Amino acid sequence: MARLVPLALAVAVSFVIAAPLNRVAHGLYGRVQHGLVPFEQATYHPDEQPTSLSGANVLVVGTGRTGTASLDFLADSGVPAVGVDADPTKVANHRAAGRQVVYADVEDVTFWETLDLGDLQAVILAMPEVEGKLIATRHLRRQGFRGPIIANALFEEDVATMRRAGADEAYLTMVGAGRGLAGKVCRAIRPSLGTG
């Protein structure tokens, strides 16, 4: 039992140190990344990320419910779109369903630096974490992308943060869902409202 106390303290201290570092990890890496290049291996890693969007006009980042709905709507509208997700299982499921989705970690600086934006005209940021959306927005703008970047947001303060980072629009997901539901109710009861 006496040996567990130092181990528990070490784990607790590591969390105290790691928590603030995790918040600034991407910024720190951005400052030292060029100095790390000489240490890279010349071979490709099996998880090497795509460098092309295969002629897609719209990039959908995050393929959960919102991203999937976006991809399906774009496909039904005849707009070439590709989704990216960091979950290999989701990617495989989407491909099996006929959607064009590739594996990529949008928080990886190298992904954005090597990505050929080609025919890209717009980006939809549909992942849940605001930090990932901010990273994607900043990298897209840094790479010279001038098209619209549209994001969903769960909280009001995230809307302003996303716009400051360079997103053209940020929509509160639950507000949009509530309006959509109310709109369907209005259309359903409108004929009966005039009958008294």
N, C-alpha and C. Protein backbone atom coordinates (compact mmCIF):
# COMPACT_ATOMS: atom_id res chain seq x y z
N MET A 1 0.82 -1.20 0.00
CA MET A 1 0.00 0.00 0.00
C MET A 1 0.86 1.26 0.00
N ALA A 2 1.98 1.21 0.74
CA ALA A 2 2.86 2.38 0.82
C ALA A 2 3.48 2.70 -0.53
N ARG A 3 3.64 1.71 -1.40
CA ARG A 3 4.21 1.95 -2.73
C ARG A 3 3.22 2.63 -3.66
N LEU A 4 1.93 2.48 -3.40
CA LEU A 4 0.91 3.07 -4.26
C LEU A 4 0.78 4.58 -4.08
N VAL A 5 1.11 5.08 -2.90
CA VAL A 5 0.98 6.51 -2.64
C VAL A 5 1.88 7.32 -3.55
N PRO A 6 3.17 7.02 -3.68
CA PRO A 6 4.01 7.79 -4.61
C PRO A 6 3.54 7.67 -6.06
N LEU A 7 3.09 6.48 -6.43
CA LEU A 7 2.58 6.29 -7.79
C LEU A 7 1.34 7.15 -8.04
N ALA A 8 0.43 7.17 -7.09
CA ALA A 8 -0.78 7.99 -7.22
C ALA A 8 -0.43 9.47 -7.28
N LEU A 9 0.53 9.90 -6.48
CA LEU A 9 0.96 11.31 -6.51
C LEU A 9 1.61 11.65 -7.86
N ALA A 10 2.41 10.74 -8.39
CA ALA A 10 3.06 10.97 -9.68
C ALA A 10 2.02 11.11 -10.79
N VAL A 11 1.01 10.26 -10.77
CA VAL A 11 -0.06 10.34 -11.78
C VAL A 11 -0.81 11.67 -11.64
N ALA A 12 -1.13 12.05 -10.42
CA ALA A 12 -1.85 13.31 -10.20
C ALA A 12 -1.03 14.51 -10.68
N VAL A 13 0.26 14.53 -10.37
CA VAL A 13 1.13 15.63 -10.80
C VAL A 13 1.23 15.66 -12.32
N SER A 14 1.30 14.49 -12.96
CA SER A 14 1.39 14.45 -14.42
C SER A 14 0.14 15.06 -15.05
N PHE A 15 -1.03 14.83 -14.46
CA PHE A 15 -2.27 15.44 -14.98
C PHE A 15 -2.24 16.95 -14.82
N VAL A 16 -1.73 17.42 -13.68
CA VAL A 16 -1.66 18.85 -13.43
C VAL A 16 -0.73 19.53 -14.45
N ILE A 17 0.35 18.87 -14.80
CA ILE A 17 1.29 19.43 -15.78
C ILE A 17 0.75 19.30 -17.20
N ALA A 18 0.14 18.15 -17.51
CA ALA A 18 -0.30 17.88 -18.89
C ALA A 18 -1.51 18.71 -19.31
N ALA A 19 -2.42 19.00 -18.39
CA ALA A 19 -3.65 19.72 -18.76
C ALA A 19 -3.38 21.06 -19.43
N PRO A 20 -2.58 21.95 -18.85
CA PRO A 20 -2.33 23.22 -19.53
C PRO A 20 -1.49 23.05 -20.81
N LEU A 21 -0.59 22.06 -20.82
CA LEU A 21 0.20 21.84 -22.02
C LEU A 21 -0.65 21.36 -23.20
N ASN A 22 -1.66 20.54 -22.92
CA ASN A 22 -2.54 20.06 -23.99
C ASN A 22 -3.27 21.21 -24.68
N ARG A 23 -3.60 22.24 -23.93
CA ARG A 23 -4.31 23.39 -24.51
C ARG A 23 -3.45 24.17 -25.50
N VAL A 24 -2.15 24.17 -25.30
CA VAL A 24 -1.27 24.94 -26.16
C VAL A 24 -0.38 24.05 -27.03
N ALA A 25 -0.67 22.75 -27.07
CA ALA A 25 0.19 21.80 -27.79
C ALA A 25 0.34 22.15 -29.26
N HIS A 26 -0.76 22.50 -29.93
CA HIS A 26 -0.68 22.78 -31.37
C HIS A 26 0.14 24.04 -31.64
N GLY A 27 -0.01 25.04 -30.79
CA GLY A 27 0.78 26.26 -30.95
C GLY A 27 2.27 26.00 -30.73
N LEU A 28 2.57 25.20 -29.71
CA LEU A 28 3.97 24.84 -29.44
C LEU A 28 4.57 24.07 -30.61
N TYR A 29 3.81 23.11 -31.11
CA TYR A 29 4.31 22.32 -32.24
C TYR A 29 4.54 23.21 -33.46
N GLY A 30 3.63 24.15 -33.70
CA GLY A 30 3.77 25.05 -34.84
C GLY A 30 5.07 25.84 -34.78
N ARG A 31 5.53 26.16 -33.59
CA ARG A 31 6.77 26.93 -33.44
C ARG A 31 8.03 26.09 -33.64
N VAL A 32 7.95 24.80 -33.32
CA VAL A 32 9.17 23.97 -33.39
C VAL A 32 9.15 22.95 -34.54
N GLN A 33 8.07 22.89 -35.30
CA GLN A 33 7.93 21.83 -36.29
C GLN A 33 9.05 21.82 -37.33
N HIS A 34 9.50 22.99 -37.78
CA HIS A 34 10.54 23.02 -38.81
C HIS A 34 11.88 22.51 -38.25
N GLY A 35 12.11 22.69 -36.98
CA GLY A 35 13.33 22.17 -36.37
C GLY A 35 13.31 20.66 -36.19
N LEU A 36 12.11 20.06 -36.26
CA LEU A 36 11.98 18.61 -36.09
C LEU A 36 12.11 17.86 -37.42
N VAL A 37 12.04 18.56 -38.55
CA VAL A 37 12.08 17.92 -39.86
C VAL A 37 13.28 17.01 -40.05
N PRO A 38 14.49 17.40 -39.63
CA PRO A 38 15.64 16.49 -39.83
C PRO A 38 15.49 15.14 -39.12
N PHE A 39 14.62 15.05 -38.13
CA PHE A 39 14.45 13.80 -37.39
C PHE A 39 13.39 12.89 -38.01
N GLU A 40 12.68 13.35 -39.04
CA GLU A 40 11.64 12.54 -39.67
C GLU A 40 12.25 11.41 -40.48
N GLN A 41 11.51 10.31 -40.56
CA GLN A 41 11.95 9.19 -41.38
C GLN A 41 11.54 9.45 -42.83
N ALA A 42 12.27 8.87 -43.76
CA ALA A 42 11.98 9.06 -45.19
C ALA A 42 10.84 8.18 -45.67
N THR A 43 10.41 7.22 -44.87
CA THR A 43 9.33 6.32 -45.29
C THR A 43 7.98 6.87 -44.86
N TYR A 44 6.92 6.44 -45.55
CA TYR A 44 5.57 6.87 -45.21
C TYR A 44 5.00 6.00 -44.11
N HIS A 45 4.24 6.62 -43.26
CA HIS A 45 3.55 5.91 -42.20
C HIS A 45 2.27 5.31 -42.78
N PRO A 46 1.82 4.15 -42.29
CA PRO A 46 0.58 3.55 -42.82
C PRO A 46 -0.63 4.48 -42.70
N ASP A 47 -0.62 5.38 -41.74
CA ASP A 47 -1.73 6.32 -41.57
C ASP A 47 -1.51 7.61 -42.34
N GLU A 48 -0.64 7.60 -43.35
CA GLU A 48 -0.36 8.81 -44.13
C GLU A 48 -1.68 9.38 -44.64
N GLN A 49 -1.84 10.66 -44.49
CA GLN A 49 -3.11 11.29 -44.81
C GLN A 49 -3.16 11.76 -46.25
N PRO A 50 -4.37 11.96 -46.78
CA PRO A 50 -4.51 12.33 -48.19
C PRO A 50 -3.93 13.71 -48.47
N THR A 51 -3.46 13.89 -49.70
CA THR A 51 -2.97 15.20 -50.10
C THR A 51 -3.87 15.80 -51.18
N SER A 52 -4.90 15.06 -51.59
CA SER A 52 -5.80 15.52 -52.63
C SER A 52 -7.25 15.27 -52.20
N LEU A 53 -8.14 16.13 -52.65
CA LEU A 53 -9.56 15.98 -52.34
C LEU A 53 -10.33 15.42 -53.53
N SER A 54 -9.62 14.87 -54.50
CA SER A 54 -10.21 14.19 -55.65
C SER A 54 -11.23 15.03 -56.40
N GLY A 55 -10.94 16.31 -56.58
CA GLY A 55 -11.81 17.17 -57.37
C GLY A 55 -13.09 17.62 -56.68
N ALA A 56 -13.19 17.41 -55.37
CA ALA A 56 -14.40 17.81 -54.63
C ALA A 56 -14.49 19.33 -54.56
N ASN A 57 -15.73 19.84 -54.62
CA ASN A 57 -15.96 21.28 -54.47
C ASN A 57 -16.22 21.66 -53.02
N VAL A 58 -16.67 20.69 -52.21
CA VAL A 58 -16.97 20.96 -50.80
C VAL A 58 -16.27 19.92 -49.93
N LEU A 59 -15.62 20.39 -48.89
CA LEU A 59 -14.98 19.53 -47.91
C LEU A 59 -15.83 19.55 -46.65
N VAL A 60 -16.24 18.36 -46.19
CA VAL A 60 -17.02 18.24 -44.95
C VAL A 60 -16.10 17.62 -43.91
N VAL A 61 -15.79 18.37 -42.88
CA VAL A 61 -14.86 17.92 -41.85
C VAL A 61 -15.67 17.41 -40.66
N GLY A 62 -15.56 16.12 -40.40
CA GLY A 62 -16.35 15.48 -39.35
C GLY A 62 -17.55 14.80 -39.98
N THR A 63 -17.69 13.50 -39.75
CA THR A 63 -18.77 12.76 -40.42
C THR A 63 -19.69 12.06 -39.42
N GLY A 64 -20.02 12.78 -38.35
CA GLY A 64 -21.05 12.29 -37.44
C GLY A 64 -22.41 12.55 -38.08
N ARG A 65 -23.43 12.76 -37.27
CA ARG A 65 -24.78 12.97 -37.81
C ARG A 65 -24.86 14.22 -38.68
N THR A 66 -24.29 15.33 -38.20
CA THR A 66 -24.36 16.58 -38.96
C THR A 66 -23.56 16.48 -40.26
N GLY A 67 -22.34 15.96 -40.18
CA GLY A 67 -21.51 15.82 -41.36
C GLY A 67 -22.11 14.87 -42.38
N THR A 68 -22.68 13.76 -41.90
CA THR A 68 -23.30 12.79 -42.80
C THR A 68 -24.51 13.41 -43.49
N ALA A 69 -25.33 14.15 -42.74
CA ALA A 69 -26.48 14.82 -43.35
C ALA A 69 -26.03 15.82 -44.41
N SER A 70 -24.93 16.51 -44.14
CA SER A 70 -24.38 17.47 -45.11
C SER A 70 -23.91 16.76 -46.37
N LEU A 71 -23.17 15.66 -46.19
CA LEU A 71 -22.69 14.90 -47.35
C LEU A 71 -23.85 14.38 -48.19
N ASP A 72 -24.89 13.85 -47.54
CA ASP A 72 -26.04 13.31 -48.27
C ASP A 72 -26.79 14.42 -49.01
N PHE A 73 -26.96 15.57 -48.37
CA PHE A 73 -27.65 16.69 -49.02
C PHE A 73 -26.86 17.16 -50.25
N LEU A 74 -25.54 17.28 -50.10
CA LEU A 74 -24.71 17.71 -51.22
C LEU A 74 -24.76 16.70 -52.36
N ALA A 75 -24.73 15.41 -52.03
CA ALA A 75 -24.81 14.37 -53.06
C ALA A 75 -26.15 14.44 -53.79
N ASP A 76 -27.25 14.63 -53.04
CA ASP A 76 -28.58 14.75 -53.65
C ASP A 76 -28.68 15.99 -54.52
N SER A 77 -27.88 17.02 -54.20
CA SER A 77 -27.90 18.27 -54.96
C SER A 77 -26.91 18.25 -56.13
N GLY A 78 -26.16 17.16 -56.26
CA GLY A 78 -25.21 17.04 -57.36
C GLY A 78 -23.92 17.82 -57.15
N VAL A 79 -23.61 18.15 -55.91
CA VAL A 79 -22.38 18.90 -55.61
C VAL A 79 -21.30 17.90 -55.18
N PRO A 80 -20.15 17.87 -55.90
CA PRO A 80 -19.08 16.95 -55.51
C PRO A 80 -18.51 17.32 -54.14
N ALA A 81 -18.56 16.37 -53.22
CA ALA A 81 -18.10 16.63 -51.86
C ALA A 81 -17.31 15.45 -51.36
N VAL A 82 -16.39 15.72 -50.45
CA VAL A 82 -15.64 14.67 -49.78
C VAL A 82 -15.64 14.97 -48.29
N GLY A 83 -15.77 13.92 -47.49
CA GLY A 83 -15.72 14.06 -46.04
C GLY A 83 -14.39 13.58 -45.52
N VAL A 84 -13.97 14.13 -44.40
CA VAL A 84 -12.79 13.62 -43.71
C VAL A 84 -13.14 13.35 -42.25
N ASP A 85 -12.56 12.29 -41.72
CA ASP A 85 -12.82 11.94 -40.33
C ASP A 85 -11.59 11.22 -39.79
N ALA A 86 -11.35 11.38 -38.50
CA ALA A 86 -10.20 10.76 -37.85
C ALA A 86 -10.53 9.40 -37.26
N ASP A 87 -11.74 8.92 -37.49
CA ASP A 87 -12.16 7.61 -36.99
C ASP A 87 -12.18 6.62 -38.16
N PRO A 88 -11.21 5.69 -38.21
CA PRO A 88 -11.15 4.74 -39.34
C PRO A 88 -12.41 3.90 -39.50
N THR A 89 -13.09 3.58 -38.40
CA THR A 89 -14.32 2.79 -38.50
C THR A 89 -15.41 3.58 -39.20
N LYS A 90 -15.56 4.86 -38.84
CA LYS A 90 -16.53 5.71 -39.51
C LYS A 90 -16.22 5.82 -41.00
N VAL A 91 -14.94 6.00 -41.31
CA VAL A 91 -14.53 6.13 -42.71
C VAL A 91 -14.94 4.88 -43.48
N ALA A 92 -14.65 3.69 -42.92
CA ALA A 92 -14.99 2.43 -43.58
C ALA A 92 -16.50 2.29 -43.75
N ASN A 93 -17.27 2.68 -42.74
CA ASN A 93 -18.74 2.58 -42.83
C ASN A 93 -19.30 3.52 -43.89
N HIS A 94 -18.76 4.72 -43.96
CA HIS A 94 -19.21 5.67 -44.98
C HIS A 94 -18.88 5.17 -46.38
N ARG A 95 -17.69 4.64 -46.55
CA ARG A 95 -17.31 4.12 -47.87
C ARG A 95 -18.21 2.97 -48.27
N ALA A 96 -18.53 2.10 -47.30
CA ALA A 96 -19.43 0.97 -47.59
C ALA A 96 -20.82 1.47 -47.99
N ALA A 97 -21.21 2.64 -47.47
CA ALA A 97 -22.51 3.22 -47.80
C ALA A 97 -22.46 4.05 -49.09
N GLY A 98 -21.28 4.12 -49.72
CA GLY A 98 -21.15 4.83 -50.99
C GLY A 98 -20.77 6.29 -50.88
N ARG A 99 -20.42 6.75 -49.70
CA ARG A 99 -20.00 8.14 -49.53
C ARG A 99 -18.49 8.25 -49.74
N GLN A 100 -18.05 9.39 -50.26
CA GLN A 100 -16.61 9.62 -50.44
C GLN A 100 -16.08 10.27 -49.16
N VAL A 101 -15.46 9.45 -48.32
CA VAL A 101 -14.91 9.90 -47.04
C VAL A 101 -13.51 9.32 -46.91
N VAL A 102 -12.57 10.16 -46.49
CA VAL A 102 -11.19 9.72 -46.31
C VAL A 102 -10.75 9.94 -44.87
N TYR A 103 -9.76 9.15 -44.47
CA TYR A 103 -9.21 9.29 -43.13
C TYR A 103 -8.25 10.47 -43.09
N ALA A 104 -8.42 11.34 -42.10
CA ALA A 104 -7.49 12.44 -41.90
C ALA A 104 -7.70 13.00 -40.50
N ASP A 105 -6.61 13.45 -39.90
CA ASP A 105 -6.66 14.12 -38.61
C ASP A 105 -6.50 15.61 -38.87
N VAL A 106 -7.58 16.36 -38.75
CA VAL A 106 -7.54 17.78 -39.10
C VAL A 106 -6.77 18.62 -38.08
N GLU A 107 -6.39 18.02 -36.97
CA GLU A 107 -5.56 18.74 -36.01
C GLU A 107 -4.08 18.55 -36.32
N ASP A 108 -3.77 17.78 -37.37
CA ASP A 108 -2.39 17.54 -37.78
C ASP A 108 -1.96 18.64 -38.75
N VAL A 109 -0.94 19.38 -38.36
CA VAL A 109 -0.44 20.49 -39.16
C VAL A 109 -0.02 20.02 -40.55
N THR A 110 0.62 18.87 -40.62
CA THR A 110 1.11 18.34 -41.89
C THR A 110 -0.02 18.09 -42.86
N PHE A 111 -1.18 17.65 -42.38
CA PHE A 111 -2.33 17.43 -43.26
C PHE A 111 -2.67 18.69 -44.03
N TRP A 112 -2.76 19.82 -43.33
CA TRP A 112 -3.13 21.07 -43.99
C TRP A 112 -2.03 21.59 -44.90
N GLU A 113 -0.78 21.41 -44.48
CA GLU A 113 0.32 21.93 -45.29
C GLU A 113 0.51 21.18 -46.59
N THR A 114 0.14 19.90 -46.62
CA THR A 114 0.32 19.10 -47.84
C THR A 114 -0.95 18.93 -48.65
N LEU A 115 -2.07 19.39 -48.13
CA LEU A 115 -3.36 19.20 -48.81
C LEU A 115 -3.47 20.11 -50.04
N ASP A 116 -3.81 19.51 -51.17
CA ASP A 116 -4.04 20.26 -52.41
C ASP A 116 -5.50 20.70 -52.40
N LEU A 117 -5.73 22.00 -52.24
CA LEU A 117 -7.09 22.51 -52.16
C LEU A 117 -7.78 22.51 -53.52
N GLY A 118 -7.02 22.42 -54.60
CA GLY A 118 -7.54 22.23 -55.95
C GLY A 118 -8.84 22.94 -56.26
N ASP A 119 -9.92 22.17 -56.46
CA ASP A 119 -11.22 22.69 -56.86
C ASP A 119 -12.11 23.08 -55.68
N LEU A 120 -11.54 23.08 -54.49
CA LEU A 120 -12.33 23.33 -53.29
C LEU A 120 -12.93 24.73 -53.31
N GLN A 121 -14.26 24.80 -53.08
CA GLN A 121 -14.97 26.07 -53.08
C GLN A 121 -15.55 26.43 -51.72
N ALA A 122 -15.81 25.42 -50.88
CA ALA A 122 -16.42 25.68 -49.57
C ALA A 122 -16.06 24.57 -48.60
N VAL A 123 -16.14 24.89 -47.31
CA VAL A 123 -15.83 23.91 -46.26
C VAL A 123 -16.94 23.95 -45.21
N ILE A 124 -17.37 22.77 -44.80
CA ILE A 124 -18.33 22.64 -43.70
C ILE A 124 -17.59 21.98 -42.54
N LEU A 125 -17.57 22.64 -41.40
CA LEU A 125 -16.93 22.10 -40.20
C LEU A 125 -18.01 21.52 -39.30
N ALA A 126 -18.10 20.19 -39.25
CA ALA A 126 -19.19 19.53 -38.55
C ALA A 126 -18.73 18.66 -37.40
N MET A 127 -17.49 18.81 -36.98
CA MET A 127 -17.05 18.01 -35.84
C MET A 127 -17.50 18.68 -34.54
N PRO A 128 -17.61 17.93 -33.45
CA PRO A 128 -18.16 18.49 -32.22
C PRO A 128 -17.24 19.44 -31.46
N GLU A 129 -15.93 19.24 -31.53
CA GLU A 129 -15.01 20.02 -30.70
C GLU A 129 -14.68 21.36 -31.36
N VAL A 130 -14.86 22.44 -30.63
CA VAL A 130 -14.59 23.77 -31.17
C VAL A 130 -13.11 23.96 -31.46
N GLU A 131 -12.24 23.34 -30.66
CA GLU A 131 -10.80 23.51 -30.89
C GLU A 131 -10.39 22.98 -32.25
N GLY A 132 -10.92 21.82 -32.65
CA GLY A 132 -10.63 21.27 -33.96
C GLY A 132 -11.12 22.17 -35.08
N LYS A 133 -12.27 22.79 -34.88
CA LYS A 133 -12.82 23.72 -35.89
C LYS A 133 -11.94 24.96 -36.02
N LEU A 134 -11.44 25.44 -34.90
CA LEU A 134 -10.56 26.61 -34.92
C LEU A 134 -9.25 26.28 -35.64
N ILE A 135 -8.69 25.12 -35.36
CA ILE A 135 -7.45 24.70 -36.02
C ILE A 135 -7.66 24.60 -37.51
N ALA A 136 -8.75 23.94 -37.93
CA ALA A 136 -9.04 23.78 -39.35
C ALA A 136 -9.23 25.13 -40.03
N THR A 137 -9.98 26.02 -39.41
CA THR A 137 -10.24 27.34 -39.99
C THR A 137 -8.95 28.12 -40.16
N ARG A 138 -8.15 28.16 -39.12
CA ARG A 138 -6.89 28.93 -39.19
C ARG A 138 -5.95 28.38 -40.26
N HIS A 139 -5.85 27.05 -40.34
CA HIS A 139 -4.97 26.46 -41.36
C HIS A 139 -5.49 26.71 -42.77
N LEU A 140 -6.79 26.60 -42.96
CA LEU A 140 -7.35 26.88 -44.29
C LEU A 140 -7.06 28.31 -44.72
N ARG A 141 -7.27 29.25 -43.83
CA ARG A 141 -7.01 30.66 -44.17
C ARG A 141 -5.51 30.89 -44.39
N ARG A 142 -4.69 30.25 -43.58
CA ARG A 142 -3.24 30.38 -43.74
C ARG A 142 -2.77 29.82 -45.07
N GLN A 143 -3.45 28.77 -45.55
CA GLN A 143 -3.10 28.15 -46.83
C GLN A 143 -3.65 28.96 -48.01
N GLY A 144 -4.36 30.06 -47.72
CA GLY A 144 -4.85 30.92 -48.78
C GLY A 144 -6.26 30.62 -49.24
N PHE A 145 -6.98 29.73 -48.56
CA PHE A 145 -8.35 29.42 -48.95
C PHE A 145 -9.25 30.62 -48.67
N ARG A 146 -9.97 31.09 -49.69
CA ARG A 146 -10.83 32.28 -49.56
C ARG A 146 -12.32 31.96 -49.65
N GLY A 147 -12.66 30.70 -49.88
CA GLY A 147 -14.07 30.32 -49.98
C GLY A 147 -14.75 30.34 -48.63
N PRO A 148 -16.07 30.13 -48.62
CA PRO A 148 -16.81 30.15 -47.35
C PRO A 148 -16.47 28.95 -46.47
N ILE A 149 -16.31 29.24 -45.19
CA ILE A 149 -16.14 28.20 -44.17
C ILE A 149 -17.35 28.32 -43.25
N ILE A 150 -18.15 27.26 -43.22
CA ILE A 150 -19.39 27.25 -42.44
C ILE A 150 -19.25 26.21 -41.33
N ALA A 151 -19.59 26.59 -40.10
CA ALA A 151 -19.43 25.68 -38.97
C ALA A 151 -20.71 25.60 -38.15
N ASN A 152 -20.88 24.45 -37.49
CA ASN A 152 -21.95 24.36 -36.50
C ASN A 152 -21.34 24.66 -35.14
N ALA A 153 -22.15 25.10 -34.22
CA ALA A 153 -21.67 25.44 -32.87
C ALA A 153 -22.70 25.00 -31.85
N LEU A 154 -22.22 24.58 -30.70
CA LEU A 154 -23.12 24.16 -29.63
C LEU A 154 -23.42 25.28 -28.65
N PHE A 155 -22.51 26.28 -28.57
CA PHE A 155 -22.68 27.35 -27.60
C PHE A 155 -22.53 28.70 -28.27
N GLU A 156 -23.24 29.70 -27.76
CA GLU A 156 -23.24 31.05 -28.34
C GLU A 156 -21.82 31.63 -28.40
N GLU A 157 -21.03 31.41 -27.36
CA GLU A 157 -19.67 31.98 -27.36
C GLU A 157 -18.79 31.37 -28.44
N ASP A 158 -19.11 30.14 -28.86
CA ASP A 158 -18.34 29.50 -29.93
C ASP A 158 -18.58 30.17 -31.28
N VAL A 159 -19.76 30.73 -31.47
CA VAL A 159 -20.09 31.40 -32.74
C VAL A 159 -19.12 32.55 -32.96
N ALA A 160 -18.98 33.42 -31.97
CA ALA A 160 -18.09 34.58 -32.09
C ALA A 160 -16.64 34.13 -32.24
N THR A 161 -16.23 33.10 -31.49
CA THR A 161 -14.86 32.60 -31.58
C THR A 161 -14.56 32.08 -32.98
N MET A 162 -15.50 31.34 -33.55
CA MET A 162 -15.31 30.79 -34.90
C MET A 162 -15.20 31.91 -35.93
N ARG A 163 -16.02 32.92 -35.80
CA ARG A 163 -15.97 34.04 -36.77
C ARG A 163 -14.65 34.81 -36.65
N ARG A 164 -14.18 35.00 -35.43
CA ARG A 164 -12.89 35.68 -35.26
C ARG A 164 -11.75 34.87 -35.87
N ALA A 165 -11.86 33.56 -35.86
CA ALA A 165 -10.81 32.69 -36.41
C ALA A 165 -10.82 32.68 -37.94
N GLY A 166 -11.93 33.14 -38.54
CA GLY A 166 -11.97 33.18 -40.00
C GLY A 166 -13.15 32.48 -40.63
N ALA A 167 -14.02 31.86 -39.83
CA ALA A 167 -15.22 31.23 -40.40
C ALA A 167 -16.18 32.30 -40.87
N ASP A 168 -16.84 32.04 -41.99
CA ASP A 168 -17.80 33.01 -42.52
C ASP A 168 -19.12 32.97 -41.75
N GLU A 169 -19.53 31.77 -41.39
CA GLU A 169 -20.78 31.59 -40.64
C GLU A 169 -20.58 30.50 -39.60
N ALA A 170 -21.25 30.65 -38.47
CA ALA A 170 -21.30 29.61 -37.45
C ALA A 170 -22.73 29.58 -36.93
N TYR A 171 -23.34 28.43 -37.02
CA TYR A 171 -24.75 28.28 -36.64
C TYR A 171 -24.89 27.47 -35.37
N LEU A 172 -25.78 27.92 -34.51
CA LEU A 172 -26.09 27.17 -33.30
C LEU A 172 -26.95 25.97 -33.70
N THR A 173 -26.40 24.78 -33.55
CA THR A 173 -27.05 23.56 -34.01
C THR A 173 -28.43 23.37 -33.41
N MET A 174 -28.55 23.54 -32.11
CA MET A 174 -29.84 23.28 -31.45
C MET A 174 -30.89 24.33 -31.82
N VAL A 175 -30.45 25.57 -32.06
CA VAL A 175 -31.39 26.61 -32.49
C VAL A 175 -31.95 26.24 -33.86
N GLY A 176 -31.07 25.81 -34.78
CA GLY A 176 -31.51 25.40 -36.10
C GLY A 176 -32.46 24.21 -36.04
N ALA A 177 -32.14 23.25 -35.18
CA ALA A 177 -33.01 22.08 -35.04
C ALA A 177 -34.38 22.48 -34.49
N GLY A 178 -34.38 23.36 -33.50
CA GLY A 178 -35.65 23.83 -32.92
C GLY A 178 -36.51 24.55 -33.94
N ARG A 179 -35.90 25.42 -34.74
CA ARG A 179 -36.65 26.13 -35.78
C ARG A 179 -37.18 25.17 -36.83
N GLY A 180 -36.37 24.17 -37.18
CA GLY A 180 -36.81 23.17 -38.15
C GLY A 180 -38.02 22.39 -37.65
N LEU A 181 -37.99 21.99 -36.37
CA LEU A 181 -39.11 21.27 -35.79
C LEU A 181 -40.37 22.15 -35.75
N ALA A 182 -40.20 23.40 -35.31
CA ALA A 182 -41.35 24.31 -35.24
C ALA A 182 -41.91 24.57 -36.64
N GLY A 183 -41.04 24.68 -37.64
CA GLY A 183 -41.50 24.88 -39.01
C GLY A 183 -42.35 23.72 -39.50
N LYS A 184 -41.94 22.50 -39.17
CA LYS A 184 -42.71 21.32 -39.57
C LYS A 184 -44.07 21.31 -38.87
N VAL A 185 -44.11 21.70 -37.60
CA VAL A 185 -45.39 21.76 -36.87
C VAL A 185 -46.31 22.79 -37.52
N CYS A 186 -45.76 23.97 -37.84
CA CYS A 186 -46.58 25.01 -38.47
C CYS A 186 -47.18 24.53 -39.79
N ARG A 187 -46.38 23.86 -40.61
CA ARG A 187 -46.88 23.36 -41.89
C ARG A 187 -47.94 22.28 -41.67
N ALA A 188 -47.77 21.49 -40.61
CA ALA A 188 -48.72 20.41 -40.34
C ALA A 188 -50.05 20.90 -39.84
N ILE A 189 -50.08 21.99 -39.04
CA ILE A 189 -51.35 22.44 -38.44
C ILE A 189 -51.94 23.64 -39.16
N ARG A 190 -51.24 24.25 -40.07
CA ARG A 190 -51.72 25.47 -40.73
C ARG A 190 -53.13 25.30 -41.30
N PRO A 191 -53.47 24.20 -42.01
CA PRO A 191 -54.83 24.08 -42.55
C PRO A 191 -55.89 24.09 -41.46
N SER A 192 -55.59 23.52 -40.29
CA SER A 192 -56.61 23.44 -39.24
C SER A 192 -56.74 24.76 -38.48
N LEU A 193 -55.75 25.66 -38.59
CA LEU A 193 -55.83 26.93 -37.86
C LEU A 193 -56.96 27.82 -38.37
N GLY A 194 -57.24 27.72 -39.66
CA GLY A 194 -58.28 28.60 -40.23
C GLY A 194 -59.68 28.06 -40.08
N THR A 195 -59.86 26.84 -39.58
CA THR A 195 -61.20 26.27 -39.48
C THR A 195 -61.92 26.64 -38.22
N GLY A 196 -61.22 27.27 -37.27
CA GLY A 196 -61.85 27.71 -36.02
C GLY A 196 -62.16 26.56 -35.16
